[in-house]
């Protein structure tokens, strides 16, 4: 099992530690991608927050 597969498996199992790692690693990258298409910082922040909310 690769590290990516392990992280996804643990994320699906609602592992809070893994969720924090993934959020820390990717939230800025996702925000920058959003910012390229949306001009409002607040909108980008809202979209990124929604991506990382885990409603199970």
C-alpha atoms as a PDB file:
ATOM      1  CA  UNK A   1       0.000   0.000   0.000  1.00  0.00           C
ATOM      2  CA  UNK A   2       1.409   3.407  -0.967  1.00  0.00           C
ATOM      3  CA  UNK A   3       1.507   6.326   1.464  1.00  0.00           C
ATOM      4  CA  UNK A   4      -1.231   8.009  -0.571  1.00  0.00           C
ATOM      5  CA  UNK A   5      -3.467   4.962  -0.334  1.00  0.00           C
ATOM      6  CA  UNK A   6      -2.815   4.720   3.394  1.00  0.00           C
ATOM      7  CA  UNK A   7      -3.671   8.384   3.920  1.00  0.00           C
ATOM      8  CA  UNK A   8      -6.902   8.033   1.934  1.00  0.00           C
ATOM      9  CA  UNK A   9      -7.853   4.876   3.832  1.00  0.00           C
ATOM     10  CA  UNK A  10      -7.324   6.611   7.154  1.00  0.00           C
ATOM     11  CA  UNK A  11      -9.148   9.708   5.927  1.00  0.00           C
ATOM     12  CA  UNK A  12     -12.177   7.576   5.046  1.00  0.00           C
ATOM     13  CA  UNK A  13     -11.967   6.136   8.578  1.00  0.00           C
ATOM     14  CA  UNK A  14     -12.230   9.730   9.905  1.00  0.00           C
ATOM     15  CA  UNK A  15      -8.683   9.792  11.270  1.00  0.00           C
ATOM     16  CA  UNK A  16      -8.405  13.348  12.607  1.00  0.00           C
ATOM     17  CA  UNK A  17      -4.586  13.390  12.422  1.00  0.00           C
ATOM     18  CA  UNK A  18      -4.614  12.475   8.719  1.00  0.00           C
ATOM     19  CA  UNK A  19      -7.327  15.039   8.034  1.00  0.00           C
ATOM     20  CA  UNK A  20      -5.121  17.746   9.553  1.00  0.00           C
ATOM     21  CA  UNK A  21      -2.109  16.637   7.494  1.00  0.00           C
ATOM     22  CA  UNK A  22      -4.053  16.710   4.234  1.00  0.00           C
ATOM     23  CA  UNK A  23      -5.672  20.049   5.053  1.00  0.00           C
ATOM     24  CA  UNK A  24      -2.336  21.617   6.007  1.00  0.00           C
ATOM     25  CA  UNK A  25      -0.659  20.318   2.871  1.00  0.00           C
ATOM     26  CA  UNK A  26      -3.313  21.167   0.285  1.00  0.00           C
ATOM     27  CA  UNK A  27      -5.449  24.084   1.478  1.00  0.00           C
ATOM     28  CA  UNK A  28      -3.083  26.775   0.148  1.00  0.00           C
ATOM     29  CA  UNK A  29      -2.680  25.013  -3.189  1.00  0.00           C
ATOM     30  CA  UNK A  30      -6.456  24.727  -3.544  1.00  0.00           C
ATOM     31  CA  UNK A  31      -6.964  28.354  -2.481  1.00  0.00           C
ATOM     32  CA  UNK A  32      -4.473  29.551  -5.134  1.00  0.00           C
ATOM     33  CA  UNK A  33      -6.222  27.483  -7.816  1.00  0.00           C
ATOM     34  CA  UNK A  34      -9.558  28.964  -6.784  1.00  0.00           C
ATOM     35  CA  UNK A  35      -8.101  32.475  -6.753  1.00  0.00           C
ATOM     36  CA  UNK A  36      -7.145  32.127 -10.419  1.00  0.00           C
ATOM     37  CA  UNK A  37     -10.820  31.886 -11.367  1.00  0.00           C
ATOM     38  CA  UNK A  38     -12.506  33.906  -8.608  1.00  0.00           C
ATOM     39  CA  UNK A  39     -11.516  37.459  -7.728  1.00  0.00           C
ATOM     40  CA  UNK A  40     -12.887  37.539  -4.176  1.00  0.00           C
ATOM     41  CA  UNK A  41     -10.650  36.244  -1.388  1.00  0.00           C
ATOM     42  CA  UNK A  42     -13.645  35.589   0.873  1.00  0.00           C
ATOM     43  CA  UNK A  43     -15.312  33.413  -1.753  1.00  0.00           C
ATOM     44  CA  UNK A  44     -12.137  31.378  -2.231  1.00  0.00           C
ATOM     45  CA  UNK A  45     -11.804  30.892   1.518  1.00  0.00           C
ATOM     46  CA  UNK A  46     -15.426  29.751   1.742  1.00  0.00           C
ATOM     47  CA  UNK A  47     -14.995  27.264  -1.115  1.00  0.00           C
ATOM     48  CA  UNK A  48     -11.782  25.826   0.328  1.00  0.00           C
ATOM     49  CA  UNK A  49     -13.399  25.494   3.758  1.00  0.00           C
ATOM     50  CA  UNK A  50     -16.302  23.587   2.234  1.00  0.00           C
ATOM     51  CA  UNK A  51     -13.931  21.199   0.467  1.00  0.00           C
ATOM     52  CA  UNK A  52     -12.259  20.257   3.726  1.00  0.00           C
ATOM     53  CA  UNK A  53     -15.412  19.961   5.841  1.00  0.00           C
ATOM     54  CA  UNK A  54     -16.121  16.320   6.567  1.00  0.00           C
ATOM     55  CA  UNK A  55     -19.803  15.624   6.879  1.00  0.00           C
ATOM     56  CA  UNK A  56     -20.249  11.898   7.210  1.00  0.00           C
END
